Amino acid sequence: MQDYYQVIISYQGLNFDFVAELLGQVFPFEGLEDGEGTITGYLQANEYSDDLCERVAAFLNIDISNVNATKLPYTNYNAQWEANFSPIEVHDFVAIRAEFHSDDFDTDHIITIRPKMAFGTGHHATTWMMLDAMRSIDFKDKLVFDFGAGTGILSVMASMLGANAIVANDIQVEAMDNIREHYMINGCESSINILHGGLEVVELNTFDIILANINTVVLSQSAKDLKKRLKNGGILLLSGILEEKESTITSLYQAAGFVLQDAKHRGDWCCLRFNH
C-alpha cells in the first residue's frame, strides 16, 4: 500500500475554495480539506519532496513556518477520509452516501461510494452543481465522455440516467480502480471505457454529452479539443471554475464555436452549459 504525506497549511483571511483551486493546479494533492484557518492536503509519498513545504509557502506567499508535512500511513489516511465523509443530497434528485451510511433518502437516485483518494465525492460545490445540472439533460441512449472523471460519480449518474455508453479518463492511476469500483457497487448497466491519461488518450469519437469538472487551467487549454469530440447539437457541461474566471472561460469556449446556454453559481464557483 502507498504511504501518504499530510500537509497542513495555516492561513488567515484567504478563501479556502480559491486557495484549493490554486494548489490543485500546481501540486499533486489528492485531497484538500478545509479547517479553521488551515487547509490539509494529502499526496502520495512518491510525489513528496523535501522542498515541498518551501515551494508551497513560496507559492502562497506565506511564511515557511505555516506549512508542515507529516508522513501518514495509507490506512490512517483512508480512515480519516472516511471518518470525515458525510452524505450529500442534491435537492430531491440524488443522494451520495458511503456504504457505512443508511440508504434512507427521499431522492430519485442514490449513489454509493467508497471515499478514498480521488476527487469528486460530491461535497465540493462544483460536483454538486454538475449533478444538479445533469437532471435537466436527457441522457437516454446517449454516448457520454466524463473528462477527468476522478471517483466516477458523474459517470455513475450518467448511467443511472440511461446513457448507452460512457468513456471516462483521468490522469491519476488510482482513479481507474475507484471508477470501476463505484460502477460495480452501483450496478451500472451502461458500458464504460476507463482510460488513463489526458485528452490525448481519447479518440475523436462523436459524443452526445461531455462532462468536465476539472480546473480552469485544463479547461482553458481544452476548448478546441473538446469541440472535436462533441457532435453537432451536443451538450458540454463545465465546472471547476471560480466566478472570477467565468468570463474568460466563457469567451474561450464561445471563440471555439460553443454557444452558452446556462450558467449556475454556488459559493465562489460556477457551472456552465454549452451547446455545440
C-alpha atoms as a PDB file:
ATOM      1  CA  MET A   1       0.000   0.000   0.000  1.00  0.00           C
ATOM      2  CA  GLN A   2       1.128   3.517  -0.772  1.00  0.00           C
ATOM      3  CA  ASP A   3       2.079   5.830   2.107  1.00  0.00           C
ATOM      4  CA  TYR A   4       0.875   9.414   2.076  1.00  0.00           C
ATOM      5  CA  TYR A   5       2.069  12.750   3.353  1.00  0.00           C
ATOM      6  CA  GLN A   6      -0.288  15.062   5.186  1.00  0.00           C
ATOM      7  CA  VAL A   7       0.485  18.733   4.606  1.00  0.00           C
ATOM      8  CA  ILE A   8      -1.149  21.264   6.924  1.00  0.00           C
ATOM      9  CA  ILE A   9      -1.157  24.864   5.715  1.00  0.00           C
ATOM     10  CA  SER A  10      -2.051  27.602   8.197  1.00  0.00           C
ATOM     11  CA  TYR A  11      -3.523  30.755   6.697  1.00  0.00           C
ATOM     12  CA  GLN A  12      -5.712  33.661   7.704  1.00  0.00           C
ATOM     13  CA  GLY A  13      -8.048  35.784   5.616  1.00  0.00           C
ATOM     14  CA  LEU A  14      -7.882  33.616   2.496  1.00  0.00           C
ATOM     15  CA  ASN A  15     -10.825  31.920   0.788  1.00  0.00           C
ATOM     16  CA  PHE A  16     -10.497  28.125   1.019  1.00  0.00           C
ATOM     17  CA  ASP A  17     -12.011  27.432  -2.416  1.00  0.00           C
ATOM     18  CA  PHE A  18      -9.706  29.968  -4.045  1.00  0.00           C
ATOM     19  CA  VAL A  19      -6.579  28.601  -2.344  1.00  0.00           C
ATOM     20  CA  ALA A  20      -7.593  24.986  -3.029  1.00  0.00           C
ATOM     21  CA  GLU A  21      -8.100  25.807  -6.699  1.00  0.00           C
ATOM     22  CA  LEU A  22      -4.617  27.327  -6.930  1.00  0.00           C
ATOM     23  CA  LEU A  23      -2.936  24.464  -5.076  1.00  0.00           C
ATOM     24  CA  GLY A  24      -4.719  21.861  -7.193  1.00  0.00           C
ATOM     25  CA  GLN A  25      -3.360  23.396 -10.372  1.00  0.00           C
ATOM     26  CA  VAL A  26       0.289  23.221  -9.277  1.00  0.00           C
ATOM     27  CA  PHE A  27       0.746  20.494  -6.664  1.00  0.00           C
ATOM     28  CA  PRO A  28      -0.277  16.794  -6.843  1.00  0.00           C
ATOM     29  CA  PHE A  29      -2.641  16.832  -3.859  1.00  0.00           C
ATOM     30  CA  GLU A  30      -5.280  14.081  -3.947  1.00  0.00           C
ATOM     31  CA  GLY A  31      -7.491  15.587  -1.270  1.00  0.00           C
ATOM     32  CA  LEU A  32      -7.837  19.043   0.281  1.00  0.00           C
ATOM     33  CA  GLU A  33      -9.850  19.637   3.452  1.00  0.00           C
ATOM     34  CA  ASP A  34     -10.977  22.931   4.974  1.00  0.00           C
ATOM     35  CA  GLY A  35     -10.304  23.560   8.649  1.00  0.00           C
ATOM     36  CA  GLU A  36     -10.439  26.576  10.939  1.00  0.00           C
ATOM     37  CA  GLY A  37      -7.654  28.666   9.459  1.00  0.00           C
ATOM     38  CA  THR A  38      -5.995  25.642   7.864  1.00  0.00           C
ATOM     39  CA  ILE A  39      -6.000  23.637   4.673  1.00  0.00           C
ATOM     40  CA  THR A  40      -4.987  19.984   4.968  1.00  0.00           C
ATOM     41  CA  GLY A  41      -3.734  18.298   1.830  1.00  0.00           C
ATOM     42  CA  TYR A  42      -2.740  14.709   1.075  1.00  0.00           C
ATOM     43  CA  LEU A  43      -0.345  13.424  -1.549  1.00  0.00           C
ATOM     44  CA  GLN A  44       1.354  10.136  -2.265  1.00  0.00           C
ATOM     45  CA  ALA A  45       4.820   9.568  -0.834  1.00  0.00           C
ATOM     46  CA  ASN A  46       6.333   9.269  -4.314  1.00  0.00           C
ATOM     47  CA  GLU A  47       5.011  12.756  -5.112  1.00  0.00           C
ATOM     48  CA  TYR A  48       6.562  14.288  -1.999  1.00  0.00           C
ATOM     49  CA  SER A  49       9.942  16.041  -1.958  1.00  0.00           C
ATOM     50  CA  ASP A  50      11.918  17.634   0.873  1.00  0.00           C
ATOM     51  CA  ASP A  51      11.390  21.107  -0.557  1.00  0.00           C
ATOM     52  CA  LEU A  52       7.597  20.745  -0.951  1.00  0.00           C
ATOM     53  CA  CYS A  53       6.729  22.852   2.114  1.00  0.00           C
ATOM     54  CA  GLU A  54       9.106  25.559   0.968  1.00  0.00           C
ATOM     55  CA  ARG A  55       7.579  25.570  -2.524  1.00  0.00           C
ATOM     56  CA  VAL A  56       4.003  25.684  -1.182  1.00  0.00           C
ATOM     57  CA  ALA A  57       4.903  28.571   1.130  1.00  0.00           C
ATOM     58  CA  ALA A  58       6.550  30.495  -1.697  1.00  0.00           C
ATOM     59  CA  PHE A  59       3.594  29.818  -4.000  1.00  0.00           C
ATOM     60  CA  LEU A  60       1.086  31.149  -1.448  1.00  0.00           C
ATOM     61  CA  ASN A  61       3.459  33.898  -0.288  1.00  0.00           C
ATOM     62  CA  ILE A  62       3.279  32.795   3.347  1.00  0.00           C
ATOM     63  CA  ASP A  63       5.981  32.029   5.904  1.00  0.00           C
ATOM     64  CA  ILE A  64       7.525  28.542   5.749  1.00  0.00           C
ATOM     65  CA  SER A  65       6.570  28.012   9.416  1.00  0.00           C
ATOM     66  CA  ASN A  66       2.914  27.918   8.285  1.00  0.00           C
ATOM     67  CA  VAL A  67       3.419  24.761   6.204  1.00  0.00           C
ATOM     68  CA  ASN A  68       4.083  21.434   7.924  1.00  0.00           C
ATOM     69  CA  ALA A  69       4.272  17.912   6.492  1.00  0.00           C
ATOM     70  CA  THR A  70       3.908  14.553   8.241  1.00  0.00           C
ATOM     71  CA  LYS A  71       4.248  11.078   6.764  1.00  0.00           C
ATOM     72  CA  LEU A  72       0.936   9.283   7.151  1.00  0.00           C
ATOM     73  CA  PRO A  73       0.386   5.534   6.530  1.00  0.00           C
ATOM     74  CA  TYR A  74      -2.199   4.796   3.887  1.00  0.00           C
ATOM     75  CA  THR A  75      -4.554   3.049   6.306  1.00  0.00           C
ATOM     76  CA  ASN A  76      -4.671   6.049   8.650  1.00  0.00           C
ATOM     77  CA  TYR A  77      -5.245   8.396   5.738  1.00  0.00           C
ATOM     78  CA  ASN A  78      -8.136   6.352   4.426  1.00  0.00           C
ATOM     79  CA  ALA A  79      -9.685   6.003   7.892  1.00  0.00           C
ATOM     80  CA  GLN A  80      -9.529   9.756   8.411  1.00  0.00           C
ATOM     81  CA  TRP A  81     -11.066  10.425   4.996  1.00  0.00           C
ATOM     82  CA  GLU A  82     -13.937   8.030   5.732  1.00  0.00           C
ATOM     83  CA  ALA A  83     -14.497   9.455   9.197  1.00  0.00           C
ATOM     84  CA  ASN A  84     -14.910  12.945   7.737  1.00  0.00           C
ATOM     85  CA  PHE A  85     -17.252  11.840   4.958  1.00  0.00           C
ATOM     86  CA  SER A  86     -20.919  12.703   5.388  1.00  0.00           C
ATOM     87  CA  PRO A  87     -23.842  12.071   2.993  1.00  0.00           C
ATOM     88  CA  ILE A  88     -24.747  14.723   0.413  1.00  0.00           C
ATOM     89  CA  GLU A  89     -28.128  15.446  -1.138  1.00  0.00           C
ATOM     90  CA  VAL A  90     -28.660  17.388  -4.340  1.00  0.00           C
ATOM     91  CA  HIS A  91     -32.242  18.549  -3.809  1.00  0.00           C
ATOM     92  CA  ASP A  92     -34.607  15.586  -4.297  1.00  0.00           C
ATOM     93  CA  PHE A  93     -32.585  14.392  -7.286  1.00  0.00           C
ATOM     94  CA  VAL A  94     -29.698  12.342  -5.904  1.00  0.00           C
ATOM     95  CA  ALA A  95     -28.045  11.439  -2.613  1.00  0.00           C
ATOM     96  CA  ILE A  96     -24.404  10.394  -2.315  1.00  0.00           C
ATOM     97  CA  ARG A  97     -23.632   8.040   0.546  1.00  0.00           C
ATOM     98  CA  ALA A  98     -20.827   5.783   1.728  1.00  0.00           C
ATOM     99  CA  GLU A  99     -21.543   2.099   2.320  1.00  0.00           C
ATOM    100  CA  PHE A 100     -21.495   2.670   6.091  1.00  0.00           C
ATOM    101  CA  HIS A 101     -24.350   5.210   5.831  1.00  0.00           C
ATOM    102  CA  SER A 102     -28.073   4.487   5.840  1.00  0.00           C
ATOM    103  CA  ASP A 103     -29.754   4.410   2.432  1.00  0.00           C
ATOM    104  CA  ASP A 104     -32.859   6.156   3.757  1.00  0.00           C
ATOM    105  CA  PHE A 105     -33.032   9.173   1.424  1.00  0.00           C
ATOM    106  CA  ASP A 106     -36.081  10.748  -0.201  1.00  0.00           C
ATOM    107  CA  THR A 107     -34.353  11.261  -3.555  1.00  0.00           C
ATOM    108  CA  ASP A 108     -34.866   9.890  -7.048  1.00  0.00           C
ATOM    109  CA  HIS A 109     -31.387   8.322  -7.078  1.00  0.00           C
ATOM    110  CA  ILE A 110     -28.793   7.158  -4.554  1.00  0.00           C
ATOM    111  CA  ILE A 111     -25.107   6.853  -5.430  1.00  0.00           C
ATOM    112  CA  THR A 112     -22.961   4.735  -3.121  1.00  0.00           C
ATOM    113  CA  ILE A 113     -19.235   5.439  -2.983  1.00  0.00           C
ATOM    114  CA  ARG A 114     -16.175   4.207  -1.128  1.00  0.00           C
ATOM    115  CA  PRO A 115     -14.471   7.512  -0.235  1.00  0.00           C
ATOM    116  CA  LYS A 116     -10.760   7.225  -0.919  1.00  0.00           C
ATOM    117  CA  MET A 117      -8.087   9.244  -2.650  1.00  0.00           C
ATOM    118  CA  ALA A 118      -9.654  10.585  -5.809  1.00  0.00           C
ATOM    119  CA  PHE A 119     -11.504  13.882  -6.066  1.00  0.00           C
ATOM    120  CA  GLY A 120     -15.238  14.136  -6.598  1.00  0.00           C
ATOM    121  CA  THR A 121     -17.152  12.924  -3.544  1.00  0.00           C
ATOM    122  CA  GLY A 122     -19.898  15.464  -4.166  1.00  0.00           C
ATOM    123  CA  HIS A 123     -19.056  17.750  -1.250  1.00  0.00           C
ATOM    124  CA  HIS A 124     -17.396  20.363  -3.396  1.00  0.00           C
ATOM    125  CA  ALA A 125     -19.681  22.990  -4.935  1.00  0.00           C
ATOM    126  CA  THR A 126     -18.506  22.123  -8.448  1.00  0.00           C
ATOM    127  CA  THR A 127     -19.504  18.434  -8.231  1.00  0.00           C
ATOM    128  CA  TRP A 128     -22.799  19.393  -6.601  1.00  0.00           C
ATOM    129  CA  MET A 129     -23.603  21.807  -9.452  1.00  0.00           C
ATOM    130  CA  MET A 130     -22.658  19.257 -12.118  1.00  0.00           C
ATOM    131  CA  LEU A 131     -25.071  16.733 -10.627  1.00  0.00           C
ATOM    132  CA  ASP A 132     -27.774  19.392 -10.294  1.00  0.00           C
ATOM    133  CA  ALA A 133     -27.329  20.397 -13.947  1.00  0.00           C
ATOM    134  CA  MET A 134     -27.395  16.782 -15.142  1.00  0.00           C
ATOM    135  CA  ARG A 135     -31.004  16.278 -14.065  1.00  0.00           C
ATOM    136  CA  SER A 136     -32.210  18.655 -16.792  1.00  0.00           C
ATOM    137  CA  ILE A 137     -30.311  16.785 -19.543  1.00  0.00           C
ATOM    138  CA  ASP A 138     -31.660  13.788 -21.481  1.00  0.00           C
ATOM    139  CA  PHE A 139     -29.032  11.031 -21.170  1.00  0.00           C
ATOM    140  CA  LYS A 140     -31.202   8.248 -22.577  1.00  0.00           C
ATOM    141  CA  ASP A 141     -29.176   6.148 -25.081  1.00  0.00           C
ATOM    142  CA  LYS A 142     -26.501   8.854 -25.306  1.00  0.00           C
ATOM    143  CA  LEU A 143     -22.729   8.452 -25.701  1.00  0.00           C
ATOM    144  CA  VAL A 144     -21.067  10.349 -22.829  1.00  0.00           C
ATOM    145  CA  PHE A 145     -17.490  11.472 -22.147  1.00  0.00           C
ATOM    146  CA  ASP A 146     -16.529  12.136 -18.497  1.00  0.00           C
ATOM    147  CA  PHE A 147     -13.349  14.234 -18.762  1.00  0.00           C
ATOM    148  CA  GLY A 148     -11.172  13.965 -15.653  1.00  0.00           C
ATOM    149  CA  ALA A 149     -13.600  11.546 -14.020  1.00  0.00           C
ATOM    150  CA  GLY A 150     -11.994  11.342 -10.546  1.00  0.00           C
ATOM    151  CA  THR A 151     -14.157   8.998  -8.483  1.00  0.00           C
ATOM    152  CA  GLY A 152     -16.501   8.439 -11.435  1.00  0.00           C
ATOM    153  CA  ILE A 153     -19.573   9.904  -9.702  1.00  0.00           C
ATOM    154  CA  LEU A 154     -20.657  11.750 -12.850  1.00  0.00           C
ATOM    155  CA  SER A 155     -20.210   8.579 -14.932  1.00  0.00           C
ATOM    156  CA  VAL A 156     -22.363   6.648 -12.450  1.00  0.00           C
ATOM    157  CA  MET A 157     -25.008   9.396 -12.577  1.00  0.00           C
ATOM    158  CA  ALA A 158     -24.981   9.345 -16.401  1.00  0.00           C
ATOM    159  CA  SER A 159     -25.500   5.587 -16.355  1.00  0.00           C
ATOM    160  CA  MET A 160     -28.397   5.886 -13.905  1.00  0.00           C
ATOM    161  CA  LEU A 161     -29.960   8.440 -16.255  1.00  0.00           C
ATOM    162  CA  GLY A 162     -29.850   5.981 -19.151  1.00  0.00           C
ATOM    163  CA  ALA A 163     -26.619   6.660 -21.049  1.00  0.00           C
ATOM    164  CA  ASN A 164     -25.838   3.991 -23.611  1.00  0.00           C
ATOM    165  CA  ALA A 165     -22.041   4.103 -23.230  1.00  0.00           C
ATOM    166  CA  ILE A 166     -19.512   6.171 -21.315  1.00  0.00           C
ATOM    167  CA  VAL A 167     -15.843   6.987 -21.792  1.00  0.00           C
ATOM    168  CA  ALA A 168     -14.090   8.185 -18.619  1.00  0.00           C
ATOM    169  CA  ASN A 169     -10.481   9.331 -18.299  1.00  0.00           C
ATOM    170  CA  ASP A 170      -8.226  10.594 -15.532  1.00  0.00           C
ATOM    171  CA  ILE A 171      -4.515  11.250 -15.086  1.00  0.00           C
ATOM    172  CA  GLN A 172      -4.467   9.578 -11.654  1.00  0.00           C
ATOM    173  CA  VAL A 173      -3.806   5.837 -11.753  1.00  0.00           C
ATOM    174  CA  GLU A 174      -5.763   5.401  -8.500  1.00  0.00           C
ATOM    175  CA  ALA A 175      -8.851   6.847 -10.143  1.00  0.00           C
ATOM    176  CA  MET A 176      -9.046   3.902 -12.551  1.00  0.00           C
ATOM    177  CA  ASP A 177      -9.815   1.391  -9.785  1.00  0.00           C
ATOM    178  CA  ASN A 178     -12.044   3.856  -7.934  1.00  0.00           C
ATOM    179  CA  ILE A 179     -14.194   4.429 -11.030  1.00  0.00           C
ATOM    180  CA  ARG A 180     -14.531   0.690 -11.712  1.00  0.00           C
ATOM    181  CA  GLU A 181     -15.394   0.060  -8.064  1.00  0.00           C
ATOM    182  CA  HIS A 182     -18.120   2.690  -7.996  1.00  0.00           C
ATOM    183  CA  TYR A 183     -19.503   1.486 -11.294  1.00  0.00           C
ATOM    184  CA  MET A 184     -19.754  -2.034  -9.908  1.00  0.00           C
ATOM    185  CA  ILE A 185     -21.248  -1.273  -6.480  1.00  0.00           C
ATOM    186  CA  ASN A 186     -23.926   0.957  -8.052  1.00  0.00           C
ATOM    187  CA  GLY A 187     -24.972  -1.751 -10.511  1.00  0.00           C
ATOM    188  CA  CYS A 188     -24.422   0.460 -13.559  1.00  0.00           C
ATOM    189  CA  GLU A 189     -25.615  -1.094 -16.801  1.00  0.00           C
ATOM    190  CA  SER A 190     -24.087   1.298 -19.338  1.00  0.00           C
ATOM    191  CA  SER A 191     -20.858   0.112 -20.922  1.00  0.00           C
ATOM    192  CA  ILE A 192     -17.837   2.107 -19.783  1.00  0.00           C
ATOM    193  CA  ASN A 193     -14.317   2.519 -21.141  1.00  0.00           C
ATOM    194  CA  ILE A 194     -11.902   3.852 -18.494  1.00  0.00           C
ATOM    195  CA  LEU A 195      -8.711   5.440 -19.831  1.00  0.00           C
ATOM    196  CA  HIS A 196      -5.566   6.599 -18.042  1.00  0.00           C
ATOM    197  CA  GLY A 197      -4.278   9.921 -19.343  1.00  0.00           C
ATOM    198  CA  GLY A 198      -5.429  13.264 -20.681  1.00  0.00           C
ATOM    199  CA  LEU A 199      -7.422  14.146 -23.780  1.00  0.00           C
ATOM    200  CA  GLU A 200      -4.729  12.625 -25.963  1.00  0.00           C
ATOM    201  CA  VAL A 201      -5.900   9.108 -24.983  1.00  0.00           C
ATOM    202  CA  VAL A 202      -9.496   9.830 -26.042  1.00  0.00           C
ATOM    203  CA  GLU A 203     -10.221   9.166 -29.699  1.00  0.00           C
ATOM    204  CA  LEU A 204     -12.038  11.741 -31.782  1.00  0.00           C
ATOM    205  CA  ASN A 205     -15.338   9.999 -31.255  1.00  0.00           C
ATOM    206  CA  THR A 206     -18.514  11.964 -31.580  1.00  0.00           C
ATOM    207  CA  PHE A 207     -20.025  12.280 -28.107  1.00  0.00           C
ATOM    208  CA  ASP A 208     -23.550  13.438 -27.398  1.00  0.00           C
ATOM    209  CA  ILE A 209     -22.630  14.822 -23.972  1.00  0.00           C
ATOM    210  CA  ILE A 210     -19.309  15.832 -22.414  1.00  0.00           C
ATOM    211  CA  LEU A 211     -18.935  16.344 -18.661  1.00  0.00           C
ATOM    212  CA  ALA A 212     -15.830  18.219 -17.481  1.00  0.00           C
ATOM    213  CA  ASN A 213     -15.372  19.100 -13.820  1.00  0.00           C
ATOM    214  CA  ILE A 214     -11.657  19.931 -13.646  1.00  0.00           C
ATOM    215  CA  ASN A 215      -9.894  23.284 -13.190  1.00  0.00           C
ATOM    216  CA  THR A 216      -9.584  26.459 -15.191  1.00  0.00           C
ATOM    217  CA  VAL A 217      -6.028  25.747 -16.381  1.00  0.00           C
ATOM    218  CA  VAL A 218      -7.034  22.457 -18.039  1.00  0.00           C
ATOM    219  CA  LEU A 219     -10.344  23.855 -19.272  1.00  0.00           C
ATOM    220  CA  SER A 220      -8.690  26.905 -20.839  1.00  0.00           C
ATOM    221  CA  GLN A 221      -6.384  24.595 -22.815  1.00  0.00           C
ATOM    222  CA  SER A 222      -9.085  22.158 -23.906  1.00  0.00           C
ATOM    223  CA  ALA A 223     -11.809  24.140 -25.711  1.00  0.00           C
ATOM    224  CA  LYS A 224     -10.802  23.220 -29.272  1.00  0.00           C
ATOM    225  CA  ASP A 225     -10.038  19.589 -28.376  1.00  0.00           C
ATOM    226  CA  LEU A 226     -13.378  19.148 -26.646  1.00  0.00           C
ATOM    227  CA  LYS A 227     -15.165  20.658 -29.633  1.00  0.00           C
ATOM    228  CA  LYS A 228     -13.598  17.967 -31.842  1.00  0.00           C
ATOM    229  CA  ARG A 229     -15.108  15.322 -29.575  1.00  0.00           C
ATOM    230  CA  LEU A 230     -18.666  16.689 -29.381  1.00  0.00           C
ATOM    231  CA  LYS A 231     -21.147  16.198 -32.170  1.00  0.00           C
ATOM    232  CA  ASN A 232     -23.302  18.987 -33.594  1.00  0.00           C
ATOM    233  CA  GLY A 233     -26.183  19.641 -31.241  1.00  0.00           C
ATOM    234  CA  GLY A 234     -24.293  18.036 -28.358  1.00  0.00           C
ATOM    235  CA  ILE A 235     -24.087  19.347 -24.793  1.00  0.00           C
ATOM    236  CA  LEU A 236     -20.937  20.380 -22.912  1.00  0.00           C
ATOM    237  CA  LEU A 237     -21.148  20.809 -19.129  1.00  0.00           C
ATOM    238  CA  LEU A 238     -18.187  22.518 -17.432  1.00  0.00           C
ATOM    239  CA  SER A 239     -17.335  23.216 -13.806  1.00  0.00           C
ATOM    240  CA  GLY A 240     -14.274  23.670 -11.593  1.00  0.00           C
ATOM    241  CA  ILE A 241     -14.426  27.360 -12.490  1.00  0.00           C
ATOM    242  CA  LEU A 242     -14.100  30.186  -9.989  1.00  0.00           C
ATOM    243  CA  GLU A 243     -16.501  33.045 -10.669  1.00  0.00           C
ATOM    244  CA  GLU A 244     -13.614  35.399 -11.397  1.00  0.00           C
ATOM    245  CA  LYS A 245     -12.602  33.115 -14.290  1.00  0.00           C
ATOM    246  CA  GLU A 246     -16.140  32.688 -15.654  1.00  0.00           C
ATOM    247  CA  SER A 247     -15.921  35.371 -18.345  1.00  0.00           C
ATOM    248  CA  THR A 248     -12.507  34.131 -19.504  1.00  0.00           C
ATOM    249  CA  ILE A 249     -13.667  30.520 -19.875  1.00  0.00           C
ATOM    250  CA  THR A 250     -16.932  31.604 -21.491  1.00  0.00           C
ATOM    251  CA  SER A 251     -15.083  33.716 -24.072  1.00  0.00           C
ATOM    252  CA  LEU A 252     -12.621  30.899 -24.867  1.00  0.00           C
ATOM    253  CA  TYR A 253     -15.390  28.385 -25.472  1.00  0.00           C
ATOM    254  CA  GLN A 254     -17.515  30.785 -27.480  1.00  0.00           C
ATOM    255  CA  ALA A 255     -14.467  31.528 -29.649  1.00  0.00           C
ATOM    256  CA  ALA A 256     -14.089  27.759 -30.184  1.00  0.00           C
ATOM    257  CA  GLY A 257     -17.658  27.579 -31.512  1.00  0.00           C
ATOM    258  CA  PHE A 258     -19.715  26.709 -28.440  1.00  0.00           C
ATOM    259  CA  VAL A 259     -22.944  28.515 -27.541  1.00  0.00           C
ATOM    260  CA  LEU A 260     -23.552  29.320 -23.862  1.00  0.00           C
ATOM    261  CA  GLN A 261     -26.948  28.035 -22.724  1.00  0.00           C
ATOM    262  CA  ASP A 262     -26.872  28.454 -18.965  1.00  0.00           C
ATOM    263  CA  ALA A 263     -24.658  29.419 -16.019  1.00  0.00           C
ATOM    264  CA  LYS A 264     -25.218  28.331 -12.410  1.00  0.00           C
ATOM    265  CA  HIS A 265     -23.407  29.556  -9.309  1.00  0.00           C
ATOM    266  CA  ARG A 266     -22.751  28.128  -5.860  1.00  0.00           C
ATOM    267  CA  GLY A 267     -20.443  29.907  -3.440  1.00  0.00           C
ATOM    268  CA  ASP A 268     -17.495  31.253  -5.418  1.00  0.00           C
ATOM    269  CA  TRP A 269     -17.872  28.662  -8.184  1.00  0.00           C
ATOM    270  CA  CYS A 270     -19.825  28.380 -11.417  1.00  0.00           C
ATOM    271  CA  CYS A 271     -21.081  25.663 -13.761  1.00  0.00           C
ATOM    272  CA  LEU A 272     -21.506  26.420 -17.461  1.00  0.00           C
ATOM    273  CA  ARG A 273     -23.654  24.625 -20.025  1.00  0.00           C
ATOM    274  CA  PHE A 274     -22.785  24.976 -23.700  1.00  0.00           C
ATOM    275  CA  ASN A 275     -24.257  23.571 -26.902  1.00  0.00           C
ATOM    276  CA  HIS A 276     -22.239  22.734 -29.985  1.00  0.00           C
END
